[in-house]
Structures are given as C-alpha cells and as structure tokens.
C-alpha cells in the first residue's frame, strides 16, 4: 500500500469524504508531495502526528490561513 493510500484510508476512517482528500506535487523545483483537505482546511494535531505529516500554512488576505501537509 502506498503512502497516499495509507493516508487516505486513515482520513476516510476519521470521517473525511473522499472528494475532500487531494494529493498534489509542487512543480517549483522541489517536486515535494503534499496533501490538502477540502478547501485548505486544517487537520488536528493528532492526525498530523499519526500520519507523520508536516504542516505548511500561509495567510491569504481573502480567505485567512490555508493549510497543506507535506509527507
């Protein structure tokens, strides 16, 4: 089972909807992989720790903080 499949399984078991679990890759030289949930929603500290993720957030003037998670 891939890392993405494991993350998705735990998020689904935690009550998230499949359509809200989005995996991506940054194309700005690093190629880092990231996860976002819904419209850049935060995850609980417990889930971040359980999934071994690294939180990345930035402030958007229109929407407030947006969260993604490197893995």
Protein backbone atom coordinates (compact mmCIF):
# COMPACT_ATOMS: atom_id res chain seq x y z
CA UNK A 1 0.00 0.00 0.00
CA UNK A 2 1.43 3.41 -0.98
CA UNK A 3 1.88 6.28 1.46
CA UNK A 4 -1.02 8.12 -0.24
CA UNK A 5 -3.31 5.10 0.14
CA UNK A 6 -2.44 4.78 3.83
CA UNK A 7 -3.10 8.48 4.45
CA UNK A 8 -6.39 8.36 2.56
CA UNK A 9 -7.55 5.25 4.45
CA UNK A 10 -6.93 6.87 7.84
CA UNK A 11 -8.62 10.13 6.78
CA UNK A 12 -11.68 8.24 5.49
CA UNK A 13 -11.83 6.29 8.76
CA UNK A 14 -11.66 9.63 10.58
CA UNK A 15 -14.79 10.89 8.81
CA UNK A 16 -13.39 12.87 5.87
CA UNK A 17 -15.04 12.49 2.47
CA UNK A 18 -13.13 11.03 -0.45
CA UNK A 19 -13.80 14.13 -2.58
CA UNK A 20 -12.08 16.34 0.04
CA UNK A 21 -8.77 14.44 0.11
CA UNK A 22 -6.45 15.93 -2.50
CA UNK A 23 -2.85 14.93 -3.17
CA UNK A 24 -0.52 17.09 -5.22
CA UNK A 25 3.07 17.78 -6.13
CA UNK A 26 4.76 21.16 -6.17
CA UNK A 27 6.44 21.83 -9.50
CA UNK A 28 8.75 24.62 -8.35
CA UNK A 29 11.97 22.63 -8.43
CA UNK A 30 11.47 20.62 -5.25
CA UNK A 31 8.80 18.24 -6.50
CA UNK A 32 7.62 17.83 -2.92
CA UNK A 33 4.40 15.92 -2.34
CA UNK A 34 1.60 17.44 -0.33
CA UNK A 35 -1.91 16.75 0.92
CA UNK A 36 -4.73 19.19 1.31
CA UNK A 37 -8.14 18.54 2.77
CA UNK A 38 -11.20 20.34 1.42
CA UNK A 39 -10.53 23.99 0.74
CA UNK A 40 -7.17 24.09 2.56
CA UNK A 41 -8.70 23.09 5.93
CA UNK A 42 -6.51 22.38 8.96
CA UNK A 43 -6.14 18.88 10.40
CA UNK A 44 -5.98 18.14 14.11
CA UNK A 45 -2.56 17.86 15.70
CA UNK A 46 -3.36 14.22 16.48
CA UNK A 47 -3.96 13.37 12.80
CA UNK A 48 -0.86 15.27 11.69
CA UNK A 49 1.22 13.26 14.15
CA UNK A 50 -0.48 9.93 13.35
CA UNK A 51 0.05 10.43 9.60
CA UNK A 52 3.61 11.75 10.03
CA UNK A 53 2.84 14.96 8.12
CA UNK A 54 4.49 18.37 8.18
CA UNK A 55 2.12 21.32 8.32
CA UNK A 56 2.58 24.17 5.87
CA UNK A 57 0.28 27.15 6.11
CA UNK A 58 0.14 30.60 4.66
CA UNK A 59 -2.11 33.58 5.08
CA UNK A 60 -4.39 34.63 2.24
CA UNK A 61 -5.91 38.11 2.56
CA UNK A 62 -9.25 36.91 1.22
CA UNK A 63 -9.59 33.53 2.97
CA UNK A 64 -7.38 33.58 6.04
CA UNK A 65 -4.97 30.71 6.68
CA UNK A 66 -4.69 27.89 4.15
CA UNK A 67 -3.19 24.57 5.24
CA UNK A 68 -1.39 21.85 3.35
CA UNK A 69 0.72 18.99 4.59
CA UNK A 70 3.99 17.66 3.21
CA UNK A 71 4.62 13.94 3.52
